[in-house]
Amino acid sequence: MLRINDQIIIRDWELSESFTRSSGPGGQNVNKLSTAVELRFEAESSPSLPPAIKARLKKLAGRRWTLEGALIIRVEDTRSQARNREIARERLAALIERALVAPKRRVATRPTLSSQRRRVDAKNRRGTVKNLRGRVDPATD
């Protein structure tokens, strides 16, 4: 059981873990032990999450979201399988917590008249500088 907050609790049947060998350096430990953890959360079929949070979670997850609607988190940070399991659960909880916060709606505003004038003046000054970079006419010297 994974407690996100008072309202959202992820049940154990919604999570599945598989263990594989970690990649990278580590000597014989890498070759012998399956310390890497792949945590799979069946988010799409989860009764714990409302649809709005599922949609935000899918957006935040990116390529960790599968076509079946599962969220996969792979951790191979440490040489300890138990610690990797903890890290994977912490990352899942953090991702769901981020999905709980609804983004603020952007209120469209118009640029002020003075900011529009400053912009046009800057463009005119820049254009003048570029025009002065042209070829010098020897007749005017």
C-alpha atoms as a PDB file:
ATOM      1  CA  MET A   1       0.000   0.000   0.000  1.00  0.00           C
ATOM      2  CA  LEU A   2       1.337   3.423  -1.014  1.00  0.00           C
ATOM      3  CA  ARG A   3      -0.176   6.477   0.689  1.00  0.00           C
ATOM      4  CA  ILE A   4      -0.031   9.651  -1.425  1.00  0.00           C
ATOM      5  CA  ASN A   5      -2.275  11.828   0.767  1.00  0.00           C
ATOM      6  CA  ASP A   6      -5.388  11.383   2.917  1.00  0.00           C
ATOM      7  CA  GLN A   7      -7.676  10.797  -0.081  1.00  0.00           C
ATOM      8  CA  ILE A   8      -5.390   8.818  -2.424  1.00  0.00           C
ATOM      9  CA  ILE A   9      -4.007   5.428  -1.445  1.00  0.00           C
ATOM     10  CA  ILE A  10      -2.527   3.096  -4.054  1.00  0.00           C
ATOM     11  CA  ARG A  11      -3.335  -0.549  -3.266  1.00  0.00           C
ATOM     12  CA  ASP A  12      -0.737  -3.294  -3.628  1.00  0.00           C
ATOM     13  CA  TRP A  13      -2.666  -5.034  -6.438  1.00  0.00           C
ATOM     14  CA  GLU A  14      -2.263  -1.898  -8.612  1.00  0.00           C
ATOM     15  CA  LEU A  15       1.537  -2.158  -8.364  1.00  0.00           C
ATOM     16  CA  SER A  16       3.815  -4.857  -9.699  1.00  0.00           C
ATOM     17  CA  GLU A  17       7.579  -5.087  -9.444  1.00  0.00           C
ATOM     18  CA  SER A  18      10.084  -6.971 -11.518  1.00  0.00           C
ATOM     19  CA  PHE A  19      13.812  -7.230 -10.901  1.00  0.00           C
ATOM     20  CA  THR A  20      16.576  -7.311 -13.490  1.00  0.00           C
ATOM     21  CA  ARG A  21      20.318  -6.946 -13.547  1.00  0.00           C
ATOM     22  CA  SER A  22      21.580  -3.391 -13.463  1.00  0.00           C
ATOM     23  CA  SER A  23      23.671  -1.968 -16.266  1.00  0.00           C
ATOM     24  CA  GLY A  24      26.953  -0.142 -15.879  1.00  0.00           C
ATOM     25  CA  PRO A  25      29.916  -0.615 -13.541  1.00  0.00           C
ATOM     26  CA  GLY A  26      29.747  -2.621 -10.339  1.00  0.00           C
ATOM     27  CA  GLY A  27      31.995  -5.629 -10.840  1.00  0.00           C
ATOM     28  CA  GLN A  28      30.677  -9.080 -10.030  1.00  0.00           C
ATOM     29  CA  ASN A  29      27.694  -7.575  -8.176  1.00  0.00           C
ATOM     30  CA  VAL A  30      26.179  -6.490 -11.509  1.00  0.00           C
ATOM     31  CA  ASN A  31      26.657  -9.930 -13.052  1.00  0.00           C
ATOM     32  CA  LYS A  32      25.231 -11.937 -10.148  1.00  0.00           C
ATOM     33  CA  LEU A  33      22.416  -9.947  -8.526  1.00  0.00           C
ATOM     34  CA  SER A  34      19.154  -8.565  -9.889  1.00  0.00           C
ATOM     35  CA  THR A  35      19.112  -5.207  -8.122  1.00  0.00           C
ATOM     36  CA  ALA A  36      17.396  -3.013 -10.720  1.00  0.00           C
ATOM     37  CA  VAL A  37      13.687  -2.494 -10.022  1.00  0.00           C
ATOM     38  CA  GLU A  38      10.954  -1.898 -12.573  1.00  0.00           C
ATOM     39  CA  LEU A  39       7.813  -0.644 -10.811  1.00  0.00           C
ATOM     40  CA  ARG A  40       4.636  -0.883 -12.892  1.00  0.00           C
ATOM     41  CA  PHE A  41       1.556   1.078 -11.813  1.00  0.00           C
ATOM     42  CA  GLU A  42      -1.676   0.302 -13.677  1.00  0.00           C
ATOM     43  CA  ALA A  43      -2.735   3.958 -13.670  1.00  0.00           C
ATOM     44  CA  GLU A  44      -5.470   3.819 -16.323  1.00  0.00           C
ATOM     45  CA  SER A  45      -7.435   1.122 -14.492  1.00  0.00           C
ATOM     46  CA  SER A  46      -6.733   2.503 -11.022  1.00  0.00           C
ATOM     47  CA  PRO A  47      -9.870   3.308  -8.985  1.00  0.00           C
ATOM     48  CA  SER A  48      -7.747   5.463  -6.657  1.00  0.00           C
ATOM     49  CA  LEU A  49      -7.191   8.299  -9.135  1.00  0.00           C
ATOM     50  CA  PRO A  50      -9.839  10.638 -10.596  1.00  0.00           C
ATOM     51  CA  PRO A  51      -9.818  11.087 -14.415  1.00  0.00           C
ATOM     52  CA  ALA A  52      -8.392  14.630 -14.271  1.00  0.00           C
ATOM     53  CA  ILE A  53      -5.396  13.467 -12.245  1.00  0.00           C
ATOM     54  CA  LYS A  54      -4.892  10.493 -14.588  1.00  0.00           C
ATOM     55  CA  ALA A  55      -4.761  12.879 -17.557  1.00  0.00           C
ATOM     56  CA  ARG A  56      -2.181  15.129 -15.854  1.00  0.00           C
ATOM     57  CA  LEU A  57      -0.180  12.073 -14.750  1.00  0.00           C
ATOM     58  CA  LYS A  58      -0.109  10.777 -18.325  1.00  0.00           C
ATOM     59  CA  LYS A  59       1.234  14.136 -19.511  1.00  0.00           C
ATOM     60  CA  LEU A  60       3.893  14.253 -16.775  1.00  0.00           C
ATOM     61  CA  ALA A  61       4.951  10.620 -17.311  1.00  0.00           C
ATOM     62  CA  GLY A  62       5.840  11.087 -20.984  1.00  0.00           C
ATOM     63  CA  ARG A  63       7.455   7.976 -22.430  1.00  0.00           C
ATOM     64  CA  ARG A  64       7.157   6.117 -19.112  1.00  0.00           C
ATOM     65  CA  TRP A  65       3.423   5.757 -19.916  1.00  0.00           C
ATOM     66  CA  THR A  66       2.671   2.588 -21.915  1.00  0.00           C
ATOM     67  CA  LEU A  67      -0.018   2.026 -24.539  1.00  0.00           C
ATOM     68  CA  GLU A  68      -1.879  -0.178 -22.032  1.00  0.00           C
ATOM     69  CA  GLY A  69      -2.125   2.775 -19.636  1.00  0.00           C
ATOM     70  CA  ALA A  70       0.540   1.674 -17.174  1.00  0.00           C
ATOM     71  CA  LEU A  71       3.219   3.893 -15.676  1.00  0.00           C
ATOM     72  CA  ILE A  72       6.657   2.252 -15.532  1.00  0.00           C
ATOM     73  CA  ILE A  73       9.427   3.536 -13.278  1.00  0.00           C
ATOM     74  CA  ARG A  74      12.856   1.891 -13.546  1.00  0.00           C
ATOM     75  CA  VAL A  75      15.451   2.431 -10.810  1.00  0.00           C
ATOM     76  CA  GLU A  76      18.996   1.084 -10.738  1.00  0.00           C
ATOM     77  CA  ASP A  77      20.616   3.841  -8.676  1.00  0.00           C
ATOM     78  CA  THR A  78      22.031   1.752  -5.827  1.00  0.00           C
ATOM     79  CA  ARG A  79      23.509  -1.716  -5.379  1.00  0.00           C
ATOM     80  CA  SER A  80      20.729  -2.612  -2.948  1.00  0.00           C
ATOM     81  CA  GLN A  81      17.485  -4.055  -4.295  1.00  0.00           C
ATOM     82  CA  ALA A  82      15.544  -2.912  -1.218  1.00  0.00           C
ATOM     83  CA  ARG A  83      16.784   0.677  -1.561  1.00  0.00           C
ATOM     84  CA  ASN A  84      15.947   0.690  -5.287  1.00  0.00           C
ATOM     85  CA  ARG A  85      12.391  -0.450  -4.419  1.00  0.00           C
ATOM     86  CA  GLU A  86      12.048   2.438  -1.944  1.00  0.00           C
ATOM     87  CA  ILE A  87      13.353   4.948  -4.497  1.00  0.00           C
ATOM     88  CA  ALA A  88      10.923   3.679  -7.152  1.00  0.00           C
ATOM     89  CA  ARG A  89       7.947   4.041  -4.787  1.00  0.00           C
ATOM     90  CA  GLU A  90       9.126   7.518  -3.734  1.00  0.00           C
ATOM     91  CA  ARG A  91       9.392   8.585  -7.390  1.00  0.00           C
ATOM     92  CA  LEU A  92       5.912   7.269  -8.139  1.00  0.00           C
ATOM     93  CA  ALA A  93       4.486   9.114  -5.129  1.00  0.00           C
ATOM     94  CA  ALA A  94       6.268  12.338  -6.153  1.00  0.00           C
ATOM     95  CA  LEU A  95       4.952  12.055  -9.717  1.00  0.00           C
ATOM     96  CA  ILE A  96       1.374  11.536  -8.503  1.00  0.00           C
ATOM     97  CA  GLU A  97       1.735  14.467  -6.082  1.00  0.00           C
ATOM     98  CA  ARG A  98       2.823  16.689  -8.981  1.00  0.00           C
ATOM     99  CA  ALA A  99      -0.237  15.527 -10.950  1.00  0.00           C
ATOM    100  CA  LEU A 100      -2.516  16.497  -8.041  1.00  0.00           C
ATOM    101  CA  VAL A 101      -1.725  20.194  -8.514  1.00  0.00           C
ATOM    102  CA  ALA A 102      -3.903  21.673 -11.252  1.00  0.00           C
ATOM    103  CA  PRO A 103      -2.006  24.210 -13.370  1.00  0.00           C
ATOM    104  CA  LYS A 104      -3.148  27.810 -13.197  1.00  0.00           C
ATOM    105  CA  ARG A 105      -5.157  29.019 -16.151  1.00  0.00           C
ATOM    106  CA  ARG A 106      -3.293  31.656 -18.111  1.00  0.00           C
ATOM    107  CA  VAL A 107      -5.147  34.947 -18.351  1.00  0.00           C
ATOM    108  CA  ALA A 108      -4.441  36.619 -21.672  1.00  0.00           C
ATOM    109  CA  THR A 109      -3.372  40.251 -21.308  1.00  0.00           C
ATOM    110  CA  ARG A 110      -2.686  42.910 -23.894  1.00  0.00           C
ATOM    111  CA  PRO A 111       0.686  44.657 -24.075  1.00  0.00           C
ATOM    112  CA  THR A 112       0.627  48.241 -22.818  1.00  0.00           C
ATOM    113  CA  LEU A 113       0.829  51.097 -25.285  1.00  0.00           C
ATOM    114  CA  SER A 114       4.216  52.209 -23.927  1.00  0.00           C
ATOM    115  CA  SER A 115       5.660  48.679 -24.277  1.00  0.00           C
ATOM    116  CA  GLN A 116       4.448  48.567 -27.900  1.00  0.00           C
ATOM    117  CA  ARG A 117       6.110  51.945 -28.575  1.00  0.00           C
ATOM    118  CA  ARG A 118       9.369  50.819 -26.918  1.00  0.00           C
ATOM    119  CA  ARG A 119       9.372  47.703 -29.094  1.00  0.00           C
ATOM    120  CA  VAL A 120       8.856  49.651 -32.331  1.00  0.00           C
ATOM    121  CA  ASP A 121      11.485  52.245 -31.333  1.00  0.00           C
ATOM    122  CA  ALA A 122      14.012  49.483 -30.628  1.00  0.00           C
ATOM    123  CA  LYS A 123      13.255  47.889 -34.012  1.00  0.00           C
ATOM    124  CA  ASN A 124      13.747  51.236 -35.765  1.00  0.00           C
ATOM    125  CA  ARG A 125      17.061  51.862 -33.975  1.00  0.00           C
ATOM    126  CA  ARG A 126      18.274  48.372 -34.871  1.00  0.00           C
ATOM    127  CA  GLY A 127      17.265  48.871 -38.510  1.00  0.00           C
ATOM    128  CA  THR A 128      19.147  52.186 -38.640  1.00  0.00           C
ATOM    129  CA  VAL A 129      22.302  50.537 -37.226  1.00  0.00           C
ATOM    130  CA  LYS A 130      22.073  47.804 -39.860  1.00  0.00           C
ATOM    131  CA  ASN A 131      21.569  50.341 -42.670  1.00  0.00           C
ATOM    132  CA  LEU A 132      24.697  52.222 -41.549  1.00  0.00           C
ATOM    133  CA  ARG A 133      26.728  49.022 -41.980  1.00  0.00           C
ATOM    134  CA  GLY A 134      26.347  49.201 -45.757  1.00  0.00           C
ATOM    135  CA  ARG A 135      29.040  49.946 -48.346  1.00  0.00           C
ATOM    136  CA  VAL A 136      30.585  53.405 -48.051  1.00  0.00           C
ATOM    137  CA  ASP A 137      30.173  55.543 -51.203  1.00  0.00           C
ATOM    138  CA  PRO A 138      33.631  56.947 -52.151  1.00  0.00           C
ATOM    139  CA  ALA A 139      32.033  60.020 -53.838  1.00  0.00           C
ATOM    140  CA  THR A 140      30.798  61.381 -50.490  1.00  0.00           C
ATOM    141  CA  ASP A 141      34.238  61.265 -48.777  1.00  0.00           C
END
